[in-house]
Amino acid sequence: MTDFEEKKYPLSTVAIQNKVTECFKSMSVDEKRLLIMASPIARNIDASEQDEILIRADDFAKECGIKLNSAYKQIEIASRKLIDRSFSYTNDRGKKVYSNWVIDATYEDAGVSLRFTSIVLVMLKILDKYNPYTRYKKDVVLKLKKDYSIDFYHLAKKNQAKNGFELTLDQMFSEFGLPDSYRDLRNLKRRVLKNAMEEINAVTDISIEYMPIKQGRSVTGFKFAVKEKPKPKTIGVGRDPDTIDMFVSMTDAQINMFGNQLAQLSELSHLAVGNESYDALASRIKDMLKDPDKQKQFIPHLRKLGFKAT
């Protein structure tokens, strides 16, 4: 392979220039999802500014684990935000350049068709040694729902070979576009770090642990240790995966996260007792997930929510 030859990846793999995620600042989760879904399509059709890239609502719903009627509204809102959003970068001549992300969006019965600017298309398509990029499975990253989970997941995959990365507080605020209220470390840990780490550890192929970096008694940043999880075990080989009878071990973080999600599923509403609240039902479901016999009924629902046994 020559220095200038681009690497090719299938549609199921997201391979995206690091410049793109560096421009994710202040974007909503759904805006990031649109760019992630558009990237492999643009790459595989070698899209130009004249080409519309269709993001289907049914694909968005399936891959992001949401309901179809919600998907139409979410991609409409996200695409409108992208049209109004701009970013800046420094070009090869050292000049600062401002650009829009999207030229226009056409709303169709199937979803939304986006036309990207040529600058954005280069970042979505070109993958070589002169344009550093990171790759990961599309079905994994699109399941992430928390505000900063996608950002941390990208950073973790980018630095996985080095077993981790460090961020100063100033870098976190600059790269993630954090509000000033998160200068309070209690808010930062609760609203950013805790939520993102728990979700990444529960539903992705990696685990992240973090610890503070201190200068004297003051916290100046955080160090993140990244580990790849063991490959998923094959459960119930040769049998219907929805009727397996093997107990699946779950971490406390997974039980807490998926217990809350299961309690919200309409198909499990029959488990509620009387006028039982969602919180009370979630608490009971979490206890059932720890029981080998009671856990079986949740296996197909867990899979749909993105759980993978390890």
C-alpha atoms as a PDB file:
ATOM      1  CA  MET A   1       0.000   0.000   0.000  1.00  0.00           C
ATOM      2  CA  THR A   2       1.396   3.402  -0.963  1.00  0.00           C
ATOM      3  CA  ASP A   3       1.362   6.420   1.322  1.00  0.00           C
ATOM      4  CA  PHE A   4      -1.472   7.919  -0.715  1.00  0.00           C
ATOM      5  CA  GLU A   5      -3.687   4.852  -0.975  1.00  0.00           C
ATOM      6  CA  GLU A   6      -6.867   5.099   1.063  1.00  0.00           C
ATOM      7  CA  LYS A   7      -8.098   2.252   3.202  1.00  0.00           C
ATOM      8  CA  LYS A   8     -11.521   0.790   2.497  1.00  0.00           C
ATOM      9  CA  TYR A   9     -14.017  -0.415   5.094  1.00  0.00           C
ATOM     10  CA  PRO A  10     -17.533  -1.898   4.850  1.00  0.00           C
ATOM     11  CA  LEU A  11     -20.713   0.044   5.624  1.00  0.00           C
ATOM     12  CA  SER A  12     -20.932  -1.645   9.023  1.00  0.00           C
ATOM     13  CA  THR A  13     -17.680   0.035  10.088  1.00  0.00           C
ATOM     14  CA  VAL A  14     -17.395   3.701  10.960  1.00  0.00           C
ATOM     15  CA  ALA A  15     -14.032   5.085   9.878  1.00  0.00           C
ATOM     16  CA  ILE A  16     -14.046   8.803  10.469  1.00  0.00           C
ATOM     17  CA  GLN A  17     -11.343  11.469  10.449  1.00  0.00           C
ATOM     18  CA  ASN A  18     -10.409  12.734  13.895  1.00  0.00           C
ATOM     19  CA  LYS A  19     -11.005  16.269  12.582  1.00  0.00           C
ATOM     20  CA  VAL A  20     -14.726  15.490  12.471  1.00  0.00           C
ATOM     21  CA  THR A  21     -15.008  14.515  16.108  1.00  0.00           C
ATOM     22  CA  GLU A  22     -12.845  17.477  17.104  1.00  0.00           C
ATOM     23  CA  CYS A  23     -15.640  19.602  15.574  1.00  0.00           C
ATOM     24  CA  PHE A  24     -18.416  17.750  17.457  1.00  0.00           C
ATOM     25  CA  LYS A  25     -18.334  20.472  20.123  1.00  0.00           C
ATOM     26  CA  SER A  26     -21.812  21.301  21.487  1.00  0.00           C
ATOM     27  CA  MET A  27     -23.562  18.972  19.014  1.00  0.00           C
ATOM     28  CA  SER A  28     -26.553  16.947  20.162  1.00  0.00           C
ATOM     29  CA  VAL A  29     -26.344  13.162  20.219  1.00  0.00           C
ATOM     30  CA  ASP A  30     -28.605  12.939  17.144  1.00  0.00           C
ATOM     31  CA  GLU A  31     -26.466  15.370  15.126  1.00  0.00           C
ATOM     32  CA  LYS A  32     -23.435  13.199  15.824  1.00  0.00           C
ATOM     33  CA  ARG A  33     -25.442  10.114  14.853  1.00  0.00           C
ATOM     34  CA  LEU A  34     -26.357  11.650  11.482  1.00  0.00           C
ATOM     35  CA  LEU A  35     -22.697  12.310  10.704  1.00  0.00           C
ATOM     36  CA  ILE A  36     -21.682   8.817  11.838  1.00  0.00           C
ATOM     37  CA  MET A  37     -24.349   7.214   9.645  1.00  0.00           C
ATOM     38  CA  ALA A  38     -23.509   9.446   6.670  1.00  0.00           C
ATOM     39  CA  SER A  39     -19.767   8.774   6.785  1.00  0.00           C
ATOM     40  CA  PRO A  40     -19.666   5.187   5.402  1.00  0.00           C
ATOM     41  CA  ILE A  41     -22.320   6.030   2.794  1.00  0.00           C
ATOM     42  CA  ALA A  42     -20.377   9.068   1.546  1.00  0.00           C
ATOM     43  CA  ARG A  43     -17.194   7.006   1.436  1.00  0.00           C
ATOM     44  CA  ASN A  44     -18.690   4.102  -0.470  1.00  0.00           C
ATOM     45  CA  ILE A  45     -20.444   6.205  -3.138  1.00  0.00           C
ATOM     46  CA  ASP A  46     -17.578   8.728  -3.320  1.00  0.00           C
ATOM     47  CA  ALA A  47     -20.112  11.499  -2.722  1.00  0.00           C
ATOM     48  CA  SER A  48     -19.701  15.028  -4.071  1.00  0.00           C
ATOM     49  CA  GLU A  49     -21.605  18.205  -3.121  1.00  0.00           C
ATOM     50  CA  GLN A  50     -24.213  17.287  -5.751  1.00  0.00           C
ATOM     51  CA  ASP A  51     -24.984  13.902  -4.147  1.00  0.00           C
ATOM     52  CA  GLU A  52     -27.765  13.516  -1.621  1.00  0.00           C
ATOM     53  CA  ILE A  53     -27.057  11.083   1.226  1.00  0.00           C
ATOM     54  CA  LEU A  54     -30.275   9.526   2.473  1.00  0.00           C
ATOM     55  CA  ILE A  55     -30.497   8.715   6.173  1.00  0.00           C
ATOM     56  CA  ARG A  56     -33.512   6.443   6.432  1.00  0.00           C
ATOM     57  CA  ALA A  57     -35.710   6.842   9.498  1.00  0.00           C
ATOM     58  CA  ASP A  58     -36.184   3.073   9.850  1.00  0.00           C
ATOM     59  CA  ASP A  59     -32.406   2.546   9.774  1.00  0.00           C
ATOM     60  CA  PHE A  60     -31.921   5.366  12.279  1.00  0.00           C
ATOM     61  CA  ALA A  61     -34.529   3.826  14.590  1.00  0.00           C
ATOM     62  CA  LYS A  62     -33.095   0.315  14.342  1.00  0.00           C
ATOM     63  CA  GLU A  63     -29.435   1.240  14.716  1.00  0.00           C
ATOM     64  CA  CYS A  64     -29.974   3.771  17.509  1.00  0.00           C
ATOM     65  CA  GLY A  65     -32.442   1.579  19.402  1.00  0.00           C
ATOM     66  CA  ILE A  66     -35.381   3.994  19.318  1.00  0.00           C
ATOM     67  CA  LYS A  67     -38.985   3.851  18.088  1.00  0.00           C
ATOM     68  CA  LEU A  68     -39.703   4.638  14.429  1.00  0.00           C
ATOM     69  CA  ASN A  69     -42.147   7.473  15.120  1.00  0.00           C
ATOM     70  CA  SER A  70     -39.497   9.115  17.329  1.00  0.00           C
ATOM     71  CA  ALA A  71     -36.815   8.645  14.656  1.00  0.00           C
ATOM     72  CA  TYR A  72     -38.580  10.861  12.075  1.00  0.00           C
ATOM     73  CA  LYS A  73     -38.829  13.753  14.534  1.00  0.00           C
ATOM     74  CA  GLN A  74     -35.301  13.310  15.874  1.00  0.00           C
ATOM     75  CA  ILE A  75     -33.600  13.316  12.478  1.00  0.00           C
ATOM     76  CA  GLU A  76     -35.635  16.340  11.373  1.00  0.00           C
ATOM     77  CA  ILE A  77     -34.571  18.333  14.439  1.00  0.00           C
ATOM     78  CA  ALA A  78     -30.953  17.162  14.173  1.00  0.00           C
ATOM     79  CA  SER A  79     -30.656  17.966  10.463  1.00  0.00           C
ATOM     80  CA  ARG A  80     -32.041  21.481  10.991  1.00  0.00           C
ATOM     81  CA  LYS A  81     -29.444  22.072  13.688  1.00  0.00           C
ATOM     82  CA  LEU A  82     -26.696  20.842  11.361  1.00  0.00           C
ATOM     83  CA  ILE A  83     -27.805  23.251   8.640  1.00  0.00           C
ATOM     84  CA  ASP A  84     -27.442  26.169  11.063  1.00  0.00           C
ATOM     85  CA  ARG A  85     -24.169  24.922  12.530  1.00  0.00           C
ATOM     86  CA  SER A  86     -20.666  25.904  11.390  1.00  0.00           C
ATOM     87  CA  PHE A  87     -17.130  24.995  12.421  1.00  0.00           C
ATOM     88  CA  SER A  88     -13.620  26.340  11.949  1.00  0.00           C
ATOM     89  CA  TYR A  89     -10.212  24.842  11.260  1.00  0.00           C
ATOM     90  CA  THR A  90      -6.726  25.919  10.196  1.00  0.00           C
ATOM     91  CA  ASN A  91      -5.804  25.046   6.603  1.00  0.00           C
ATOM     92  CA  ASP A  92      -2.436  23.986   5.154  1.00  0.00           C
ATOM     93  CA  ARG A  93      -1.452  27.635   4.692  1.00  0.00           C
ATOM     94  CA  GLY A  94      -2.065  28.389   8.367  1.00  0.00           C
ATOM     95  CA  LYS A  95      -5.252  30.328   7.622  1.00  0.00           C
ATOM     96  CA  LYS A  96      -8.401  29.955   9.698  1.00  0.00           C
ATOM     97  CA  VAL A  97     -11.367  28.696   7.671  1.00  0.00           C
ATOM     98  CA  TYR A  98     -15.057  28.697   8.638  1.00  0.00           C
ATOM     99  CA  SER A  99     -17.435  26.245   6.993  1.00  0.00           C
ATOM    100  CA  ASN A 100     -20.989  24.973   7.212  1.00  0.00           C
ATOM    101  CA  TRP A 101     -21.613  21.262   7.689  1.00  0.00           C
ATOM    102  CA  VAL A 102     -24.654  20.841   5.436  1.00  0.00           C
ATOM    103  CA  ILE A 103     -25.718  22.570   2.210  1.00  0.00           C
ATOM    104  CA  ASP A 104     -29.362  21.544   2.414  1.00  0.00           C
ATOM    105  CA  ALA A 105     -31.713  18.860   3.719  1.00  0.00           C
ATOM    106  CA  THR A 106     -34.641  17.336   1.839  1.00  0.00           C
ATOM    107  CA  TYR A 107     -37.334  15.728   3.967  1.00  0.00           C
ATOM    108  CA  GLU A 108     -38.839  12.622   2.408  1.00  0.00           C
ATOM    109  CA  ASP A 109     -41.194   9.851   3.449  1.00  0.00           C
ATOM    110  CA  ALA A 110     -38.221   7.553   4.055  1.00  0.00           C
ATOM    111  CA  GLY A 111     -36.167  10.035   6.068  1.00  0.00           C
ATOM    112  CA  VAL A 112     -33.862  12.961   5.278  1.00  0.00           C
ATOM    113  CA  SER A 113     -31.447  13.455   2.360  1.00  0.00           C
ATOM    114  CA  LEU A 114     -28.422  15.596   3.180  1.00  0.00           C
ATOM    115  CA  ARG A 115     -25.935  17.334   0.892  1.00  0.00           C
ATOM    116  CA  PHE A 116     -22.627  18.035   2.623  1.00  0.00           C
ATOM    117  CA  THR A 117     -20.054  20.706   1.765  1.00  0.00           C
ATOM    118  CA  SER A 118     -16.899  19.581  -0.022  1.00  0.00           C
ATOM    119  CA  ILE A 119     -14.789  20.286   3.075  1.00  0.00           C
ATOM    120  CA  VAL A 120     -16.958  17.999   5.208  1.00  0.00           C
ATOM    121  CA  LEU A 121     -17.004  15.300   2.521  1.00  0.00           C
ATOM    122  CA  VAL A 122     -13.205  15.190   2.553  1.00  0.00           C
ATOM    123  CA  MET A 123     -13.300  14.579   6.309  1.00  0.00           C
ATOM    124  CA  LEU A 124     -15.946  11.877   5.903  1.00  0.00           C
ATOM    125  CA  LYS A 125     -14.303  10.087   2.961  1.00  0.00           C
ATOM    126  CA  ILE A 126     -10.524  10.389   2.939  1.00  0.00           C
ATOM    127  CA  LEU A 127      -8.722   7.874   5.149  1.00  0.00           C
ATOM    128  CA  ASP A 128      -4.936   7.846   4.893  1.00  0.00           C
ATOM    129  CA  LYS A 129      -1.771   8.563   6.878  1.00  0.00           C
ATOM    130  CA  TYR A 130      -2.102  12.294   6.216  1.00  0.00           C
ATOM    131  CA  ASN A 131      -5.664  12.378   7.562  1.00  0.00           C
ATOM    132  CA  PRO A 132      -5.662  10.510  10.913  1.00  0.00           C
ATOM    133  CA  TYR A 133      -8.870   8.647  11.595  1.00  0.00           C
ATOM    134  CA  THR A 134     -10.451   6.239  14.044  1.00  0.00           C
ATOM    135  CA  ARG A 135     -12.668   3.263  13.273  1.00  0.00           C
ATOM    136  CA  TYR A 136     -15.226   1.258  15.207  1.00  0.00           C
ATOM    137  CA  LYS A 137     -18.386  -0.757  14.676  1.00  0.00           C
ATOM    138  CA  LYS A 138     -21.364   1.389  13.711  1.00  0.00           C
ATOM    139  CA  ASP A 139     -23.878  -0.725  15.637  1.00  0.00           C
ATOM    140  CA  VAL A 140     -21.890  -0.184  18.842  1.00  0.00           C
ATOM    141  CA  VAL A 141     -21.402   3.594  18.770  1.00  0.00           C
ATOM    142  CA  LEU A 142     -24.965   4.369  17.628  1.00  0.00           C
ATOM    143  CA  LYS A 143     -26.422   2.679  20.718  1.00  0.00           C
ATOM    144  CA  LEU A 144     -24.847   5.367  22.930  1.00  0.00           C
ATOM    145  CA  LYS A 145     -27.469   7.836  24.168  1.00  0.00           C
ATOM    146  CA  LYS A 146     -25.829  10.005  26.824  1.00  0.00           C
ATOM    147  CA  ASP A 147     -24.616  13.498  25.901  1.00  0.00           C
ATOM    148  CA  TYR A 148     -20.862  12.856  25.996  1.00  0.00           C
ATOM    149  CA  SER A 149     -20.668   9.085  25.528  1.00  0.00           C
ATOM    150  CA  ILE A 150     -19.903   9.239  21.785  1.00  0.00           C
ATOM    151  CA  ASP A 151     -17.097  11.763  22.387  1.00  0.00           C
ATOM    152  CA  PHE A 152     -15.460   9.644  25.087  1.00  0.00           C
ATOM    153  CA  TYR A 153     -15.940   6.442  23.093  1.00  0.00           C
ATOM    154  CA  HIS A 154     -14.183   7.977  20.074  1.00  0.00           C
ATOM    155  CA  LEU A 155     -11.298   9.187  22.253  1.00  0.00           C
ATOM    156  CA  ALA A 156     -11.033   5.758  23.868  1.00  0.00           C
ATOM    157  CA  LYS A 157     -10.940   3.911  20.520  1.00  0.00           C
ATOM    158  CA  LYS A 158      -8.481   6.469  19.155  1.00  0.00           C
ATOM    159  CA  ASN A 159      -6.137   5.784  22.082  1.00  0.00           C
ATOM    160  CA  GLN A 160      -6.939   2.112  22.718  1.00  0.00           C
ATOM    161  CA  ALA A 161      -3.554   0.906  21.456  1.00  0.00           C
ATOM    162  CA  LYS A 162      -1.907   3.166  24.062  1.00  0.00           C
ATOM    163  CA  ASN A 163      -4.229   1.761  26.783  1.00  0.00           C
ATOM    164  CA  GLY A 164      -5.674   5.158  27.565  1.00  0.00           C
ATOM    165  CA  PHE A 165      -5.413   8.932  27.412  1.00  0.00           C
ATOM    166  CA  GLU A 166      -5.342  12.050  29.559  1.00  0.00           C
ATOM    167  CA  LEU A 167      -7.371  15.244  29.418  1.00  0.00           C
ATOM    168  CA  THR A 168      -6.812  18.457  31.325  1.00  0.00           C
ATOM    169  CA  LEU A 169      -9.920  20.246  32.556  1.00  0.00           C
ATOM    170  CA  ASP A 170      -9.317  22.989  29.992  1.00  0.00           C
ATOM    171  CA  GLN A 171      -9.105  20.393  27.210  1.00  0.00           C
ATOM    172  CA  MET A 172     -12.393  18.816  28.305  1.00  0.00           C
ATOM    173  CA  PHE A 173     -14.177  22.162  28.295  1.00  0.00           C
ATOM    174  CA  SER A 174     -12.687  23.119  24.932  1.00  0.00           C
ATOM    175  CA  GLU A 175     -13.205  19.787  23.116  1.00  0.00           C
ATOM    176  CA  PHE A 176     -16.677  19.005  24.493  1.00  0.00           C
ATOM    177  CA  GLY A 177     -18.050  22.544  24.656  1.00  0.00           C
ATOM    178  CA  LEU A 178     -18.998  22.103  28.322  1.00  0.00           C
ATOM    179  CA  PRO A 179     -21.026  24.805  30.104  1.00  0.00           C
ATOM    180  CA  ASP A 180     -19.363  26.803  32.890  1.00  0.00           C
ATOM    181  CA  SER A 181     -21.600  25.138  35.490  1.00  0.00           C
ATOM    182  CA  TYR A 182     -19.473  22.012  35.051  1.00  0.00           C
ATOM    183  CA  ARG A 183     -16.467  23.850  36.498  1.00  0.00           C
ATOM    184  CA  ASP A 184     -17.920  22.511  39.741  1.00  0.00           C
ATOM    185  CA  LEU A 185     -16.229  19.096  39.849  1.00  0.00           C
ATOM    186  CA  ARG A 186     -19.301  17.517  41.433  1.00  0.00           C
ATOM    187  CA  ASN A 187     -21.364  18.506  38.407  1.00  0.00           C
ATOM    188  CA  LEU A 188     -18.623  17.435  36.008  1.00  0.00           C
ATOM    189  CA  LYS A 189     -18.324  13.982  37.547  1.00  0.00           C
ATOM    190  CA  ARG A 190     -22.072  13.417  37.866  1.00  0.00           C
ATOM    191  CA  ARG A 191     -23.304  14.873  34.557  1.00  0.00           C
ATOM    192  CA  VAL A 192     -20.376  14.081  32.256  1.00  0.00           C
ATOM    193  CA  LEU A 193     -17.974  11.436  33.533  1.00  0.00           C
ATOM    194  CA  LYS A 194     -20.286   9.124  35.480  1.00  0.00           C
ATOM    195  CA  ASN A 195     -23.044   9.009  32.858  1.00  0.00           C
ATOM    196  CA  ALA A 196     -20.692   8.461  29.905  1.00  0.00           C
ATOM    197  CA  MET A 197     -18.449   5.900  31.610  1.00  0.00           C
ATOM    198  CA  GLU A 198     -21.358   3.824  32.916  1.00  0.00           C
ATOM    199  CA  GLU A 199     -22.997   3.677  29.496  1.00  0.00           C
ATOM    200  CA  ILE A 200     -19.768   2.878  27.630  1.00  0.00           C
ATOM    201  CA  ASN A 201     -18.892   0.153  30.143  1.00  0.00           C
ATOM    202  CA  ALA A 202     -22.397  -1.326  29.895  1.00  0.00           C
ATOM    203  CA  VAL A 203     -23.017  -1.492  26.132  1.00  0.00           C
ATOM    204  CA  THR A 204     -19.750  -1.264  24.171  1.00  0.00           C
ATOM    205  CA  ASP A 205     -16.740  -3.450  23.423  1.00  0.00           C
ATOM    206  CA  ILE A 206     -14.450  -1.559  25.805  1.00  0.00           C
ATOM    207  CA  SER A 207     -14.321  -0.497  29.436  1.00  0.00           C
ATOM    208  CA  ILE A 208     -12.993   2.817  30.774  1.00  0.00           C
ATOM    209  CA  GLU A 209     -11.824   3.719  34.248  1.00  0.00           C
ATOM    210  CA  TYR A 210     -10.830   7.250  35.215  1.00  0.00           C
ATOM    211  CA  MET A 211      -8.849   8.847  38.009  1.00  0.00           C
ATOM    212  CA  PRO A 212      -8.083  12.492  38.824  1.00  0.00           C
ATOM    213  CA  ILE A 213      -4.786  14.156  38.021  1.00  0.00           C
ATOM    214  CA  LYS A 214      -3.856  16.516  40.848  1.00  0.00           C
ATOM    215  CA  GLN A 215      -1.494  19.400  41.316  1.00  0.00           C
ATOM    216  CA  GLY A 216      -1.252  19.719  45.044  1.00  0.00           C
ATOM    217  CA  ARG A 217      -4.823  19.418  46.299  1.00  0.00           C
ATOM    218  CA  SER A 218      -6.380  20.739  43.082  1.00  0.00           C
ATOM    219  CA  VAL A 219      -7.719  18.493  40.310  1.00  0.00           C
ATOM    220  CA  THR A 220      -6.245  19.612  36.980  1.00  0.00           C
ATOM    221  CA  GLY A 221      -7.565  16.824  34.760  1.00  0.00           C
ATOM    222  CA  PHE A 222      -8.292  13.128  34.455  1.00  0.00           C
ATOM    223  CA  LYS A 223      -6.463  10.010  33.321  1.00  0.00           C
ATOM    224  CA  PHE A 224      -8.532   7.389  31.481  1.00  0.00           C
ATOM    225  CA  ALA A 225      -7.533   3.716  31.296  1.00  0.00           C
ATOM    226  CA  VAL A 226      -9.029   1.844  28.319  1.00  0.00           C
ATOM    227  CA  LYS A 227      -9.363  -1.937  28.115  1.00  0.00           C
ATOM    228  CA  GLU A 228     -10.945  -4.155  25.485  1.00  0.00           C
ATOM    229  CA  LYS A 229     -13.585  -6.495  26.862  1.00  0.00           C
ATOM    230  CA  PRO A 230     -13.279 -10.246  26.258  1.00  0.00           C
ATOM    231  CA  LYS A 231     -14.996 -11.402  23.080  1.00  0.00           C
ATOM    232  CA  PRO A 232     -18.686 -12.257  23.596  1.00  0.00           C
ATOM    233  CA  LYS A 233     -19.303 -15.889  24.460  1.00  0.00           C
ATOM    234  CA  THR A 234     -21.509 -17.974  22.197  1.00  0.00           C
ATOM    235  CA  ILE A 235     -24.584 -18.734  24.256  1.00  0.00           C
ATOM    236  CA  GLY A 236     -26.951 -21.559  23.407  1.00  0.00           C
ATOM    237  CA  VAL A 237     -25.211 -22.601  20.157  1.00  0.00           C
ATOM    238  CA  GLY A 238     -27.649 -24.218  17.739  1.00  0.00           C
ATOM    239  CA  ARG A 239     -30.665 -23.092  19.739  1.00  0.00           C
ATOM    240  CA  ASP A 240     -33.168 -20.272  19.543  1.00  0.00           C
ATOM    241  CA  PRO A 241     -31.387 -17.332  21.195  1.00  0.00           C
ATOM    242  CA  ASP A 242     -34.676 -16.139  22.687  1.00  0.00           C
ATOM    243  CA  THR A 243     -35.168 -19.366  24.638  1.00  0.00           C
ATOM    244  CA  ILE A 244     -31.718 -19.906  26.083  1.00  0.00           C
ATOM    245  CA  ASP A 245     -31.559 -21.135  29.657  1.00  0.00           C
ATOM    246  CA  MET A 246     -27.980 -20.160  30.498  1.00  0.00           C
ATOM    247  CA  PHE A 247     -27.536 -17.494  33.182  1.00  0.00           C
ATOM    248  CA  VAL A 248     -25.846 -14.382  31.783  1.00  0.00           C
ATOM    249  CA  SER A 249     -23.490 -12.627  34.185  1.00  0.00           C
ATOM    250  CA  MET A 250     -24.067  -8.863  34.324  1.00  0.00           C
ATOM    251  CA  THR A 251     -22.072  -6.153  36.053  1.00  0.00           C
ATOM    252  CA  ASP A 252     -23.750  -3.845  38.577  1.00  0.00           C
ATOM    253  CA  ALA A 253     -23.527  -1.008  36.022  1.00  0.00           C
ATOM    254  CA  GLN A 254     -25.266  -3.150  33.385  1.00  0.00           C
ATOM    255  CA  ILE A 255     -27.986  -4.267  35.805  1.00  0.00           C
ATOM    256  CA  ASN A 256     -28.647  -0.671  36.834  1.00  0.00           C
ATOM    257  CA  MET A 257     -28.695   0.711  33.290  1.00  0.00           C
ATOM    258  CA  PHE A 258     -30.664  -2.067  31.591  1.00  0.00           C
ATOM    259  CA  GLY A 259     -33.043  -2.436  34.540  1.00  0.00           C
ATOM    260  CA  ASN A 260     -34.086   1.196  34.041  1.00  0.00           C
ATOM    261  CA  GLN A 261     -34.455   0.717  30.277  1.00  0.00           C
ATOM    262  CA  LEU A 262     -36.454  -2.515  30.587  1.00  0.00           C
ATOM    263  CA  ALA A 263     -38.939  -0.838  32.940  1.00  0.00           C
ATOM    264  CA  GLN A 264     -39.741   1.674  30.172  1.00  0.00           C
ATOM    265  CA  LEU A 265     -40.581  -0.969  27.537  1.00  0.00           C
ATOM    266  CA  SER A 266     -44.284  -1.157  26.728  1.00  0.00           C
ATOM    267  CA  GLU A 267     -44.034  -4.912  26.088  1.00  0.00           C
ATOM    268  CA  LEU A 268     -43.021  -5.415  29.723  1.00  0.00           C
ATOM    269  CA  SER A 269     -45.722  -3.182  31.213  1.00  0.00           C
ATOM    270  CA  HIS A 270     -47.593  -6.303  32.331  1.00  0.00           C
ATOM    271  CA  LEU A 271     -44.952  -6.799  35.015  1.00  0.00           C
ATOM    272  CA  ALA A 272     -46.092  -3.659  36.862  1.00  0.00           C
ATOM    273  CA  VAL A 273     -48.196  -4.286  39.953  1.00  0.00           C
ATOM    274  CA  GLY A 274     -51.230  -2.006  40.176  1.00  0.00           C
ATOM    275  CA  ASN A 275     -50.186   1.647  39.872  1.00  0.00           C
ATOM    276  CA  GLU A 276     -46.545   0.810  40.469  1.00  0.00           C
ATOM    277  CA  SER A 277     -44.151   3.576  39.393  1.00  0.00           C
ATOM    278  CA  TYR A 278     -41.417   3.096  36.795  1.00  0.00           C
ATOM    279  CA  ASP A 279     -38.791   3.437  39.528  1.00  0.00           C
ATOM    280  CA  ALA A 280     -40.390   0.708  41.623  1.00  0.00           C
ATOM    281  CA  LEU A 281     -40.749  -1.591  38.605  1.00  0.00           C
ATOM    282  CA  ALA A 282     -37.141  -0.924  37.602  1.00  0.00           C
ATOM    283  CA  SER A 283     -35.985  -1.862  41.099  1.00  0.00           C
ATOM    284  CA  ARG A 284     -37.819  -5.198  40.909  1.00  0.00           C
ATOM    285  CA  ILE A 285     -36.494  -5.917  37.411  1.00  0.00           C
ATOM    286  CA  LYS A 286     -32.931  -5.296  38.612  1.00  0.00           C
ATOM    287  CA  ASP A 287     -33.446  -7.931  41.312  1.00  0.00           C
ATOM    288  CA  MET A 288     -34.833 -10.350  38.695  1.00  0.00           C
ATOM    289  CA  LEU A 289     -31.803  -9.823  36.456  1.00  0.00           C
ATOM    290  CA  LYS A 290     -29.665 -11.260  39.264  1.00  0.00           C
ATOM    291  CA  ASP A 291     -31.812 -14.416  39.481  1.00  0.00           C
ATOM    292  CA  PRO A 292     -30.898 -17.211  36.983  1.00  0.00           C
ATOM    293  CA  ASP A 293     -34.512 -18.349  36.573  1.00  0.00           C
ATOM    294  CA  LYS A 294     -36.166 -14.928  36.387  1.00  0.00           C
ATOM    295  CA  GLN A 295     -33.519 -13.463  34.109  1.00  0.00           C
ATOM    296  CA  LYS A 296     -34.446 -15.709  31.141  1.00  0.00           C
ATOM    297  CA  GLN A 297     -37.556 -13.716  30.187  1.00  0.00           C
ATOM    298  CA  PHE A 298     -35.464 -10.568  29.663  1.00  0.00           C
ATOM    299  CA  ILE A 299     -32.785 -12.023  27.347  1.00  0.00           C
ATOM    300  CA  PRO A 300     -34.479 -11.117  24.003  1.00  0.00           C
ATOM    301  CA  HIS A 301     -35.288  -7.617  25.290  1.00  0.00           C
ATOM    302  CA  LEU A 302     -31.724  -7.137  26.542  1.00  0.00           C
ATOM    303  CA  ARG A 303     -30.378  -8.028  23.106  1.00  0.00           C
ATOM    304  CA  LYS A 304     -32.636  -5.479  21.432  1.00  0.00           C
ATOM    305  CA  LEU A 305     -31.373  -2.832  23.859  1.00  0.00           C
ATOM    306  CA  GLY A 306     -27.792  -3.578  22.852  1.00  0.00           C
ATOM    307  CA  PHE A 307     -26.616  -5.861  25.668  1.00  0.00           C
ATOM    308  CA  LYS A 308     -23.827  -8.257  24.713  1.00  0.00           C
ATOM    309  CA  ALA A 309     -22.718 -11.060  27.016  1.00  0.00           C
ATOM    310  CA  THR A 310     -19.015 -11.106  27.813  1.00  0.00           C
END
